[in-house]
Amino acid sequence: MSTSSDSSAAARFARIEALPMRSVGAATGLRPRELWGSMRAILSHREMLDLLIRRDLKARYKDSTLGFFWSLARPLMQLGIYFVVVGQFLAAARGIPDFAVYIFAGLTAMGLFTEIVVGATGSILGNAGLVKKVYVPREVFPLASVGSALFNFMIQIVVLLGATVLVGKPPLHLQFFYVIPALAVLVVYGTALGLLFSSLNVYLRDVQYLVELGTMLLFWASPVVYSWQMVSEQLKSYPILLDIYTNNPLTLAVIGFQKAFWVAGEDVPQPPDLLLRLTVALLIGIALLFVSHRVFLRLQGNFAQEL
């Protein structure tokens, strides 16, 4: 019996020894083969990514009576506050027709970006148990935050479209297609910054708080609750500052959303060459995404030890 068991174990060891060595973990080089290898590793775990997105969505509203309604509560509350306080009391709505649609288009765009970046930044720490016990491409955790943010974004888009119908001006015009490059800019920049900050947050936990402050600053640096025209009037003597403000990718994305959904603002002056500016911002964002992914791969090696 013992002799048979020993021979079986020896045969098993021999089969294992004959197998080719295969490294585990994402390739961090810049050669095309290594770049494709890192992308293929993520694609091969797409089922895991889908499970993480579902888990995030279920966990967020677990045991709540109204469920996904709460994903609407915050933007609707923001809309009410900004519409009444900023729009009416501070008279920001003066000269902006259908101010509710205008402001909700900007809130929807900025809400998506903020949710992607903040959610992705804390995703590695939030999944520390899985990171330490199971090998999967670490990128799936921040990417799961991107997926759940896009799901909530789609709900808000439905509400925004309903609002345009209520005011009698649905976005049935060619400018509606501005939403495509604007959405691409938001997702690409959000994913790039989410990957970068999620890896840095493992080593320096203050990053998540800096990200919250940064997103708040970016919100007020974009024409969400005020108009781009107000800024252009204030900075008309400083064209360089106006160019810096206008070419902020988030400013361009917000204006793209307003151009797509805010039909009442068709005659309102907008930055010239908006589509070209969005295209250039998108190309720069793709380059930033590439660099952020490379940094993430460099830093992920010690995630388990740091956690």
C-alpha atoms as a PDB file:
ATOM      1  CA  MET A   1       0.000   0.000   0.000  1.00  0.00           C
ATOM      2  CA  SER A   2       2.771   2.355   1.003  1.00  0.00           C
ATOM      3  CA  THR A   3       4.788   1.500  -2.104  1.00  0.00           C
ATOM      4  CA  SER A   4       1.784   2.210  -4.365  1.00  0.00           C
ATOM      5  CA  SER A   5       1.148   5.578  -2.632  1.00  0.00           C
ATOM      6  CA  ASP A   6       4.805   6.579  -2.972  1.00  0.00           C
ATOM      7  CA  SER A   7       4.861   5.735  -6.677  1.00  0.00           C
ATOM      8  CA  SER A   8       1.633   7.731  -7.243  1.00  0.00           C
ATOM      9  CA  ALA A   9       3.086  10.759  -5.461  1.00  0.00           C
ATOM     10  CA  ALA A  10       6.295  10.455  -7.444  1.00  0.00           C
ATOM     11  CA  ALA A  11       4.338  10.332 -10.708  1.00  0.00           C
ATOM     12  CA  ARG A  12       2.372  13.413  -9.664  1.00  0.00           C
ATOM     13  CA  PHE A  13       5.547  15.300  -8.799  1.00  0.00           C
ATOM     14  CA  ALA A  14       7.014  14.287 -12.135  1.00  0.00           C
ATOM     15  CA  ARG A  15       3.994  15.670 -14.012  1.00  0.00           C
ATOM     16  CA  ILE A  16       4.199  18.917 -12.058  1.00  0.00           C
ATOM     17  CA  GLU A  17       7.910  19.183 -12.725  1.00  0.00           C
ATOM     18  CA  ALA A  18       7.291  18.755 -16.445  1.00  0.00           C
ATOM     19  CA  LEU A  19       4.885  21.687 -16.568  1.00  0.00           C
ATOM     20  CA  PRO A  20       6.402  24.915 -17.929  1.00  0.00           C
ATOM     21  CA  MET A  21       7.042  27.663 -15.401  1.00  0.00           C
ATOM     22  CA  ARG A  22       4.512  30.457 -15.590  1.00  0.00           C
ATOM     23  CA  SER A  23       4.834  33.711 -13.667  1.00  0.00           C
ATOM     24  CA  VAL A  24       1.806  34.893 -11.664  1.00  0.00           C
ATOM     25  CA  GLY A  25       0.930  38.569 -11.619  1.00  0.00           C
ATOM     26  CA  ALA A  26       0.570  41.344 -14.135  1.00  0.00           C
ATOM     27  CA  ALA A  27       3.428  42.248 -16.426  1.00  0.00           C
ATOM     28  CA  THR A  28       4.798  45.698 -15.679  1.00  0.00           C
ATOM     29  CA  GLY A  29       6.912  46.283 -18.784  1.00  0.00           C
ATOM     30  CA  LEU A  30       6.174  48.535 -21.732  1.00  0.00           C
ATOM     31  CA  ARG A  31       6.610  46.016 -24.560  1.00  0.00           C
ATOM     32  CA  PRO A  32       3.462  45.251 -26.585  1.00  0.00           C
ATOM     33  CA  ARG A  33       3.409  41.659 -25.340  1.00  0.00           C
ATOM     34  CA  GLU A  34       3.470  42.785 -21.704  1.00  0.00           C
ATOM     35  CA  LEU A  35       0.857  45.489 -22.306  1.00  0.00           C
ATOM     36  CA  TRP A  36      -1.454  42.972 -23.936  1.00  0.00           C
ATOM     37  CA  GLY A  37      -0.760  40.499 -21.106  1.00  0.00           C
ATOM     38  CA  SER A  38      -1.943  42.942 -18.455  1.00  0.00           C
ATOM     39  CA  MET A  39      -5.104  43.719 -20.434  1.00  0.00           C
ATOM     40  CA  ARG A  40      -5.770  40.019 -21.047  1.00  0.00           C
ATOM     41  CA  ALA A  41      -5.459  39.309 -17.311  1.00  0.00           C
ATOM     42  CA  ILE A  42      -8.246  41.820 -16.595  1.00  0.00           C
ATOM     43  CA  LEU A  43     -10.455  40.476 -19.394  1.00  0.00           C
ATOM     44  CA  SER A  44     -10.028  36.903 -18.172  1.00  0.00           C
ATOM     45  CA  HIS A  45     -11.451  37.970 -14.785  1.00  0.00           C
ATOM     46  CA  ARG A  46     -14.480  39.821 -16.177  1.00  0.00           C
ATOM     47  CA  GLU A  47     -16.839  37.469 -14.295  1.00  0.00           C
ATOM     48  CA  MET A  48     -15.110  38.455 -11.052  1.00  0.00           C
ATOM     49  CA  LEU A  49     -15.507  42.102 -12.035  1.00  0.00           C
ATOM     50  CA  ASP A  50     -19.214  41.571 -12.647  1.00  0.00           C
ATOM     51  CA  LEU A  51     -19.610  39.906  -9.236  1.00  0.00           C
ATOM     52  CA  LEU A  52     -17.818  42.792  -7.502  1.00  0.00           C
ATOM     53  CA  ILE A  53     -20.072  45.371  -9.194  1.00  0.00           C
ATOM     54  CA  ARG A  54     -23.192  43.461  -8.136  1.00  0.00           C
ATOM     55  CA  ARG A  55     -21.843  43.087  -4.606  1.00  0.00           C
ATOM     56  CA  ASP A  56     -21.083  46.830  -4.354  1.00  0.00           C
ATOM     57  CA  LEU A  57     -24.596  47.736  -5.492  1.00  0.00           C
ATOM     58  CA  LYS A  58     -26.285  45.227  -3.176  1.00  0.00           C
ATOM     59  CA  ALA A  59     -24.124  46.137  -0.175  1.00  0.00           C
ATOM     60  CA  ARG A  60     -24.787  49.839  -0.616  1.00  0.00           C
ATOM     61  CA  TYR A  61     -28.557  49.470  -0.207  1.00  0.00           C
ATOM     62  CA  LYS A  62     -28.649  46.325   1.914  1.00  0.00           C
ATOM     63  CA  ASP A  63     -31.603  46.210   4.351  1.00  0.00           C
ATOM     64  CA  SER A  64     -32.913  49.588   3.147  1.00  0.00           C
ATOM     65  CA  THR A  65     -36.620  49.808   2.337  1.00  0.00           C
ATOM     66  CA  LEU A  66     -36.332  52.156  -0.642  1.00  0.00           C
ATOM     67  CA  GLY A  67     -33.234  50.517  -2.155  1.00  0.00           C
ATOM     68  CA  PHE A  68     -31.914  52.229  -5.287  1.00  0.00           C
ATOM     69  CA  PHE A  69     -34.111  55.260  -4.664  1.00  0.00           C
ATOM     70  CA  TRP A  70     -31.364  56.464  -2.342  1.00  0.00           C
ATOM     71  CA  SER A  71     -29.015  56.767  -5.318  1.00  0.00           C
ATOM     72  CA  LEU A  72     -31.305  59.577  -6.441  1.00  0.00           C
ATOM     73  CA  ALA A  73     -31.780  61.187  -3.046  1.00  0.00           C
ATOM     74  CA  ARG A  74     -28.427  62.982  -2.898  1.00  0.00           C
ATOM     75  CA  PRO A  75     -28.487  64.558  -6.398  1.00  0.00           C
ATOM     76  CA  LEU A  76     -32.155  65.482  -5.981  1.00  0.00           C
ATOM     77  CA  MET A  77     -31.408  67.086  -2.618  1.00  0.00           C
ATOM     78  CA  GLN A  78     -28.460  68.939  -4.172  1.00  0.00           C
ATOM     79  CA  LEU A  79     -30.679  70.046  -7.023  1.00  0.00           C
ATOM     80  CA  GLY A  80     -33.263  71.414  -4.578  1.00  0.00           C
ATOM     81  CA  ILE A  81     -30.669  73.256  -2.500  1.00  0.00           C
ATOM     82  CA  TYR A  82     -28.781  74.777  -5.422  1.00  0.00           C
ATOM     83  CA  PHE A  83     -31.968  75.627  -7.302  1.00  0.00           C
ATOM     84  CA  VAL A  84     -33.497  77.485  -4.338  1.00  0.00           C
ATOM     85  CA  VAL A  85     -30.469  78.905  -2.525  1.00  0.00           C
ATOM     86  CA  VAL A  86     -28.023  79.573  -5.370  1.00  0.00           C
ATOM     87  CA  GLY A  87     -30.494  80.004  -8.199  1.00  0.00           C
ATOM     88  CA  GLN A  88     -33.243  82.016  -6.513  1.00  0.00           C
ATOM     89  CA  PHE A  89     -31.803  83.572  -3.340  1.00  0.00           C
ATOM     90  CA  LEU A  90     -28.391  84.423  -4.867  1.00  0.00           C
ATOM     91  CA  ALA A  91     -29.968  85.109  -8.298  1.00  0.00           C
ATOM     92  CA  ALA A  92     -27.627  82.764 -10.190  1.00  0.00           C
ATOM     93  CA  ALA A  93     -30.634  81.615 -12.240  1.00  0.00           C
ATOM     94  CA  ARG A  94     -31.020  85.104 -13.692  1.00  0.00           C
ATOM     95  CA  GLY A  95     -30.362  84.856 -17.426  1.00  0.00           C
ATOM     96  CA  ILE A  96     -30.298  81.016 -17.370  1.00  0.00           C
ATOM     97  CA  PRO A  97     -33.582  79.624 -18.775  1.00  0.00           C
ATOM     98  CA  ASP A  98     -34.772  76.270 -17.409  1.00  0.00           C
ATOM     99  CA  PHE A  99     -32.245  76.586 -14.605  1.00  0.00           C
ATOM    100  CA  ALA A 100     -33.318  73.233 -13.061  1.00  0.00           C
ATOM    101  CA  VAL A 101     -32.372  71.280 -16.221  1.00  0.00           C
ATOM    102  CA  TYR A 102     -29.149  73.286 -16.563  1.00  0.00           C
ATOM    103  CA  ILE A 103     -28.026  72.591 -13.025  1.00  0.00           C
ATOM    104  CA  PHE A 104     -29.090  68.926 -12.985  1.00  0.00           C
ATOM    105  CA  ALA A 105     -27.093  68.243 -16.177  1.00  0.00           C
ATOM    106  CA  GLY A 106     -23.970  69.569 -14.454  1.00  0.00           C
ATOM    107  CA  LEU A 107     -24.698  67.728 -11.197  1.00  0.00           C
ATOM    108  CA  THR A 108     -25.122  64.447 -13.094  1.00  0.00           C
ATOM    109  CA  ALA A 109     -21.791  64.866 -14.867  1.00  0.00           C
ATOM    110  CA  MET A 110     -19.863  65.880 -11.745  1.00  0.00           C
ATOM    111  CA  GLY A 111     -21.618  63.226  -9.662  1.00  0.00           C
ATOM    112  CA  LEU A 112     -20.347  60.499 -11.977  1.00  0.00           C
ATOM    113  CA  PHE A 113     -16.766  61.763 -11.868  1.00  0.00           C
ATOM    114  CA  THR A 114     -16.790  62.196  -8.083  1.00  0.00           C
ATOM    115  CA  GLU A 115     -18.296  58.762  -7.442  1.00  0.00           C
ATOM    116  CA  ILE A 116     -15.750  57.057  -9.698  1.00  0.00           C
ATOM    117  CA  VAL A 117     -12.715  58.760  -8.149  1.00  0.00           C
ATOM    118  CA  VAL A 118     -13.794  58.588  -4.481  1.00  0.00           C
ATOM    119  CA  GLY A 119     -15.099  55.011  -4.776  1.00  0.00           C
ATOM    120  CA  ALA A 120     -12.034  53.740  -6.632  1.00  0.00           C
ATOM    121  CA  THR A 121      -9.623  55.434  -4.202  1.00  0.00           C
ATOM    122  CA  GLY A 122     -10.918  53.386  -1.256  1.00  0.00           C
ATOM    123  CA  SER A 123     -11.524  50.176  -3.230  1.00  0.00           C
ATOM    124  CA  ILE A 124      -8.232  48.390  -2.452  1.00  0.00           C
ATOM    125  CA  LEU A 125      -8.505  49.098   1.277  1.00  0.00           C
ATOM    126  CA  GLY A 126     -12.180  48.119   1.235  1.00  0.00           C
ATOM    127  CA  ASN A 127     -11.287  44.735  -0.268  1.00  0.00           C
ATOM    128  CA  ALA A 128      -8.208  44.111   1.868  1.00  0.00           C
ATOM    129  CA  GLY A 129      -9.395  40.618   2.815  1.00  0.00           C
ATOM    130  CA  LEU A 130      -9.647  39.512  -0.806  1.00  0.00           C
ATOM    131  CA  VAL A 131      -6.390  41.212  -1.786  1.00  0.00           C
ATOM    132  CA  LYS A 132      -4.462  39.318   0.912  1.00  0.00           C
ATOM    133  CA  LYS A 133      -5.995  35.892   0.264  1.00  0.00           C
ATOM    134  CA  VAL A 134      -6.843  35.568  -3.443  1.00  0.00           C
ATOM    135  CA  TYR A 135      -4.865  36.480  -6.530  1.00  0.00           C
ATOM    136  CA  VAL A 136      -6.848  38.457  -9.067  1.00  0.00           C
ATOM    137  CA  PRO A 137      -5.676  41.431 -11.102  1.00  0.00           C
ATOM    138  CA  ARG A 138      -5.855  44.222  -8.533  1.00  0.00           C
ATOM    139  CA  GLU A 139      -7.317  46.577 -11.119  1.00  0.00           C
ATOM    140  CA  VAL A 140     -10.683  44.814 -10.862  1.00  0.00           C
ATOM    141  CA  PHE A 141     -11.373  46.515  -7.502  1.00  0.00           C
ATOM    142  CA  PRO A 142     -11.193  50.148  -8.731  1.00  0.00           C
ATOM    143  CA  LEU A 143     -12.850  49.078 -11.996  1.00  0.00           C
ATOM    144  CA  ALA A 144     -15.748  47.636  -9.993  1.00  0.00           C
ATOM    145  CA  SER A 145     -16.226  51.104  -8.469  1.00  0.00           C
ATOM    146  CA  VAL A 146     -16.330  52.529 -11.998  1.00  0.00           C
ATOM    147  CA  GLY A 147     -19.016  49.996 -12.947  1.00  0.00           C
ATOM    148  CA  SER A 148     -21.255  50.703  -9.945  1.00  0.00           C
ATOM    149  CA  ALA A 149     -20.875  54.477 -10.515  1.00  0.00           C
ATOM    150  CA  LEU A 150     -21.972  54.055 -14.137  1.00  0.00           C
ATOM    151  CA  PHE A 151     -25.042  52.113 -12.983  1.00  0.00           C
ATOM    152  CA  ASN A 152     -26.088  54.951 -10.681  1.00  0.00           C
ATOM    153  CA  PHE A 153     -25.305  57.421 -13.445  1.00  0.00           C
ATOM    154  CA  MET A 154     -27.744  55.672 -15.795  1.00  0.00           C
ATOM    155  CA  ILE A 155     -30.516  56.062 -13.194  1.00  0.00           C
ATOM    156  CA  GLN A 156     -29.783  59.786 -12.940  1.00  0.00           C
ATOM    157  CA  ILE A 157     -29.776  60.130 -16.725  1.00  0.00           C
ATOM    158  CA  VAL A 158     -33.307  58.715 -16.797  1.00  0.00           C
ATOM    159  CA  VAL A 159     -34.367  61.335 -14.245  1.00  0.00           C
ATOM    160  CA  LEU A 160     -32.644  64.079 -16.246  1.00  0.00           C
ATOM    161  CA  LEU A 161     -34.432  63.018 -19.433  1.00  0.00           C
ATOM    162  CA  GLY A 162     -37.713  63.008 -17.496  1.00  0.00           C
ATOM    163  CA  ALA A 163     -37.012  66.568 -16.337  1.00  0.00           C
ATOM    164  CA  THR A 164     -36.445  67.727 -19.936  1.00  0.00           C
ATOM    165  CA  VAL A 165     -39.795  66.195 -20.914  1.00  0.00           C
ATOM    166  CA  LEU A 166     -41.514  67.886 -17.962  1.00  0.00           C
ATOM    167  CA  VAL A 167     -40.307  71.340 -19.058  1.00  0.00           C
ATOM    168  CA  GLY A 168     -41.426  70.531 -22.615  1.00  0.00           C
ATOM    169  CA  LYS A 169     -37.927  70.561 -24.147  1.00  0.00           C
ATOM    170  CA  PRO A 170     -36.619  67.017 -24.639  1.00  0.00           C
ATOM    171  CA  PRO A 171     -33.109  66.852 -26.172  1.00  0.00           C
ATOM    172  CA  LEU A 172     -34.222  66.002 -29.709  1.00  0.00           C
ATOM    173  CA  HIS A 173     -31.424  67.871 -31.456  1.00  0.00           C
ATOM    174  CA  LEU A 174     -28.015  67.143 -32.964  1.00  0.00           C
ATOM    175  CA  GLN A 175     -26.235  68.669 -29.968  1.00  0.00           C
ATOM    176  CA  PHE A 176     -27.410  65.652 -27.957  1.00  0.00           C
ATOM    177  CA  PHE A 177     -24.433  63.703 -29.362  1.00  0.00           C
ATOM    178  CA  TYR A 178     -22.093  65.931 -27.335  1.00  0.00           C
ATOM    179  CA  VAL A 179     -22.928  63.593 -24.468  1.00  0.00           C
ATOM    180  CA  ILE A 180     -20.744  60.864 -26.028  1.00  0.00           C
ATOM    181  CA  PRO A 181     -17.334  62.637 -25.915  1.00  0.00           C
ATOM    182  CA  ALA A 182     -18.300  64.356 -22.643  1.00  0.00           C
ATOM    183  CA  LEU A 183     -19.113  61.013 -20.991  1.00  0.00           C
ATOM    184  CA  ALA A 184     -15.920  59.473 -22.391  1.00  0.00           C
ATOM    185  CA  VAL A 185     -13.860  62.305 -20.874  1.00  0.00           C
ATOM    186  CA  LEU A 186     -15.464  61.805 -17.452  1.00  0.00           C
ATOM    187  CA  VAL A 187     -14.972  58.025 -17.446  1.00  0.00           C
ATOM    188  CA  VAL A 188     -11.394  58.114 -18.757  1.00  0.00           C
ATOM    189  CA  TYR A 189     -10.198  60.802 -16.321  1.00  0.00           C
ATOM    190  CA  GLY A 190     -12.143  59.269 -13.425  1.00  0.00           C
ATOM    191  CA  THR A 191     -10.682  55.821 -14.095  1.00  0.00           C
ATOM    192  CA  ALA A 192      -7.162  57.179 -14.524  1.00  0.00           C
ATOM    193  CA  LEU A 193      -7.260  59.124 -11.263  1.00  0.00           C
ATOM    194  CA  GLY A 194      -9.074  56.266  -9.491  1.00  0.00           C
ATOM    195  CA  LEU A 195      -6.349  53.765 -10.427  1.00  0.00           C
ATOM    196  CA  LEU A 196      -3.599  56.164  -9.393  1.00  0.00           C
ATOM    197  CA  PHE A 197      -5.106  57.226  -6.064  1.00  0.00           C
ATOM    198  CA  SER A 198      -6.243  53.698  -5.104  1.00  0.00           C
ATOM    199  CA  SER A 199      -2.650  52.461  -5.312  1.00  0.00           C
ATOM    200  CA  LEU A 200      -1.226  55.492  -3.485  1.00  0.00           C
ATOM    201  CA  ASN A 201      -3.897  55.178  -0.788  1.00  0.00           C
ATOM    202  CA  VAL A 202      -2.521  51.765   0.226  1.00  0.00           C
ATOM    203  CA  TYR A 203       0.788  53.356   1.203  1.00  0.00           C
ATOM    204  CA  LEU A 204      -0.491  56.755   2.377  1.00  0.00           C
ATOM    205  CA  ARG A 205      -3.969  56.682   3.909  1.00  0.00           C
ATOM    206  CA  ASP A 206      -4.314  60.488   3.806  1.00  0.00           C
ATOM    207  CA  VAL A 207      -4.824  60.270   0.047  1.00  0.00           C
ATOM    208  CA  GLN A 208      -8.520  59.441   0.401  1.00  0.00           C
ATOM    209  CA  TYR A 209      -9.127  62.647   2.377  1.00  0.00           C
ATOM    210  CA  LEU A 210      -7.134  64.720  -0.107  1.00  0.00           C
ATOM    211  CA  VAL A 211      -9.234  63.224  -2.901  1.00  0.00           C
ATOM    212  CA  GLU A 212     -12.455  64.287  -1.171  1.00  0.00           C
ATOM    213  CA  LEU A 213     -11.132  67.841  -0.851  1.00  0.00           C
ATOM    214  CA  GLY A 214      -9.908  67.818  -4.439  1.00  0.00           C
ATOM    215  CA  THR A 215     -13.266  66.707  -5.871  1.00  0.00           C
ATOM    216  CA  MET A 216     -14.981  69.449  -3.867  1.00  0.00           C
ATOM    217  CA  LEU A 217     -12.589  72.015  -5.347  1.00  0.00           C
ATOM    218  CA  LEU A 218     -13.130  70.666  -8.876  1.00  0.00           C
ATOM    219  CA  PHE A 219     -16.892  70.907  -8.415  1.00  0.00           C
ATOM    220  CA  TRP A 220     -16.738  74.627  -7.753  1.00  0.00           C
ATOM    221  CA  ALA A 221     -14.107  75.087 -10.477  1.00  0.00           C
ATOM    222  CA  SER A 222     -16.611  73.821 -13.069  1.00  0.00           C
ATOM    223  CA  PRO A 223     -19.709  75.675 -14.373  1.00  0.00           C
ATOM    224  CA  VAL A 224     -22.295  73.567 -12.530  1.00  0.00           C
ATOM    225  CA  VAL A 225     -24.158  76.111 -10.378  1.00  0.00           C
ATOM    226  CA  TYR A 226     -23.056  79.157 -12.373  1.00  0.00           C
ATOM    227  CA  SER A 227     -22.609  79.683 -16.093  1.00  0.00           C
ATOM    228  CA  TRP A 228     -19.474  79.675 -18.217  1.00  0.00           C
ATOM    229  CA  GLN A 229     -20.571  83.066 -19.551  1.00  0.00           C
ATOM    230  CA  MET A 230     -20.258  84.596 -16.059  1.00  0.00           C
ATOM    231  CA  VAL A 231     -16.647  83.416 -15.842  1.00  0.00           C
ATOM    232  CA  SER A 232     -15.820  84.590 -19.369  1.00  0.00           C
ATOM    233  CA  GLU A 233     -17.129  88.060 -18.468  1.00  0.00           C
ATOM    234  CA  GLN A 234     -15.029  88.160 -15.306  1.00  0.00           C
ATOM    235  CA  LEU A 235     -11.872  86.898 -17.055  1.00  0.00           C
ATOM    236  CA  LYS A 236     -12.213  88.702 -20.387  1.00  0.00           C
ATOM    237  CA  SER A 237      -9.155  90.810 -19.486  1.00  0.00           C
ATOM    238  CA  TYR A 238      -7.186  87.652 -18.680  1.00  0.00           C
ATOM    239  CA  PRO A 239      -7.477  85.372 -21.742  1.00  0.00           C
ATOM    240  CA  ILE A 240      -4.835  82.946 -20.486  1.00  0.00           C
ATOM    241  CA  LEU A 241      -6.743  82.345 -17.244  1.00  0.00           C
ATOM    242  CA  LEU A 242      -9.961  81.911 -19.236  1.00  0.00           C
ATOM    243  CA  ASP A 243      -8.259  79.324 -21.477  1.00  0.00           C
ATOM    244  CA  ILE A 244      -6.967  77.442 -18.415  1.00  0.00           C
ATOM    245  CA  TYR A 245     -10.442  77.459 -16.873  1.00  0.00           C
ATOM    246  CA  THR A 246     -12.199  76.457 -20.099  1.00  0.00           C
ATOM    247  CA  ASN A 247      -9.783  73.699 -21.057  1.00  0.00           C
ATOM    248  CA  ASN A 248     -10.175  71.968 -17.713  1.00  0.00           C
ATOM    249  CA  PRO A 249     -11.478  68.534 -18.840  1.00  0.00           C
ATOM    250  CA  LEU A 250     -14.276  68.641 -16.261  1.00  0.00           C
ATOM    251  CA  THR A 251     -15.380  72.085 -17.429  1.00  0.00           C
ATOM    252  CA  LEU A 252     -15.522  70.808 -21.011  1.00  0.00           C
ATOM    253  CA  ALA A 253     -17.442  67.668 -19.967  1.00  0.00           C
ATOM    254  CA  VAL A 254     -19.976  69.674 -17.932  1.00  0.00           C
ATOM    255  CA  ILE A 255     -20.512  72.094 -20.829  1.00  0.00           C
ATOM    256  CA  GLY A 256     -20.881  69.085 -23.142  1.00  0.00           C
ATOM    257  CA  PHE A 257     -23.640  67.671 -20.916  1.00  0.00           C
ATOM    258  CA  GLN A 258     -25.378  71.057 -20.765  1.00  0.00           C
ATOM    259  CA  LYS A 259     -25.166  71.389 -24.547  1.00  0.00           C
ATOM    260  CA  ALA A 260     -26.703  67.916 -24.933  1.00  0.00           C
ATOM    261  CA  PHE A 261     -29.587  68.166 -22.443  1.00  0.00           C
ATOM    262  CA  TRP A 262     -30.187  71.911 -21.939  1.00  0.00           C
ATOM    263  CA  VAL A 263     -32.237  72.719 -25.025  1.00  0.00           C
ATOM    264  CA  ALA A 264     -33.211  76.167 -23.731  1.00  0.00           C
ATOM    265  CA  GLY A 265     -29.546  77.178 -23.872  1.00  0.00           C
ATOM    266  CA  GLU A 266     -29.035  76.606 -27.602  1.00  0.00           C
ATOM    267  CA  ASP A 267     -28.583  80.350 -28.188  1.00  0.00           C
ATOM    268  CA  VAL A 268     -26.375  80.904 -25.137  1.00  0.00           C
ATOM    269  CA  PRO A 269     -22.697  81.497 -26.098  1.00  0.00           C
ATOM    270  CA  GLN A 270     -20.427  78.532 -25.430  1.00  0.00           C
ATOM    271  CA  PRO A 271     -16.657  78.032 -25.789  1.00  0.00           C
ATOM    272  CA  PRO A 272     -15.653  77.865 -29.484  1.00  0.00           C
ATOM    273  CA  ASP A 273     -14.564  74.517 -30.951  1.00  0.00           C
ATOM    274  CA  LEU A 274     -16.072  72.567 -28.067  1.00  0.00           C
ATOM    275  CA  LEU A 275     -15.949  69.236 -29.905  1.00  0.00           C
ATOM    276  CA  LEU A 276     -12.275  69.730 -30.794  1.00  0.00           C
ATOM    277  CA  ARG A 277     -11.454  70.674 -27.205  1.00  0.00           C
ATOM    278  CA  LEU A 278     -13.260  67.555 -25.927  1.00  0.00           C
ATOM    279  CA  THR A 279     -11.374  65.372 -28.406  1.00  0.00           C
ATOM    280  CA  VAL A 280      -8.000  66.776 -27.345  1.00  0.00           C
ATOM    281  CA  ALA A 281      -8.933  66.365 -23.668  1.00  0.00           C
ATOM    282  CA  LEU A 282      -9.967  62.762 -24.339  1.00  0.00           C
ATOM    283  CA  LEU A 283      -6.658  61.931 -26.037  1.00  0.00           C
ATOM    284  CA  ILE A 284      -4.708  63.456 -23.129  1.00  0.00           C
ATOM    285  CA  GLY A 285      -6.931  61.502 -20.730  1.00  0.00           C
ATOM    286  CA  ILE A 286      -6.136  58.218 -22.501  1.00  0.00           C
ATOM    287  CA  ALA A 287      -2.421  58.959 -22.117  1.00  0.00           C
ATOM    288  CA  LEU A 288      -3.005  59.742 -18.414  1.00  0.00           C
ATOM    289  CA  LEU A 289      -4.910  56.460 -18.051  1.00  0.00           C
ATOM    290  CA  PHE A 290      -1.975  54.565 -19.543  1.00  0.00           C
ATOM    291  CA  VAL A 291       0.503  56.210 -17.157  1.00  0.00           C
ATOM    292  CA  SER A 292      -1.779  55.678 -14.141  1.00  0.00           C
ATOM    293  CA  HIS A 293      -2.145  51.986 -14.984  1.00  0.00           C
ATOM    294  CA  ARG A 294       1.630  51.592 -15.236  1.00  0.00           C
ATOM    295  CA  VAL A 295       2.063  53.266 -11.821  1.00  0.00           C
ATOM    296  CA  PHE A 296      -0.651  51.030 -10.377  1.00  0.00           C
ATOM    297  CA  LEU A 297       1.111  47.901 -11.663  1.00  0.00           C
ATOM    298  CA  ARG A 298       4.410  49.085 -10.188  1.00  0.00           C
ATOM    299  CA  LEU A 299       2.904  49.680  -6.754  1.00  0.00           C
ATOM    300  CA  GLN A 300       0.601  46.653  -6.522  1.00  0.00           C
ATOM    301  CA  GLY A 301       3.416  44.231  -5.728  1.00  0.00           C
ATOM    302  CA  ASN A 302       3.438  45.098  -2.011  1.00  0.00           C
ATOM    303  CA  PHE A 303      -0.296  45.630  -1.524  1.00  0.00           C
ATOM    304  CA  ALA A 304      -0.740  42.480   0.574  1.00  0.00           C
ATOM    305  CA  GLN A 305       2.168  43.379   2.882  1.00  0.00           C
ATOM    306  CA  GLU A 306       1.009  46.985   3.333  1.00  0.00           C
ATOM    307  CA  LEU A 307      -2.556  45.888   4.094  1.00  0.00           C
END
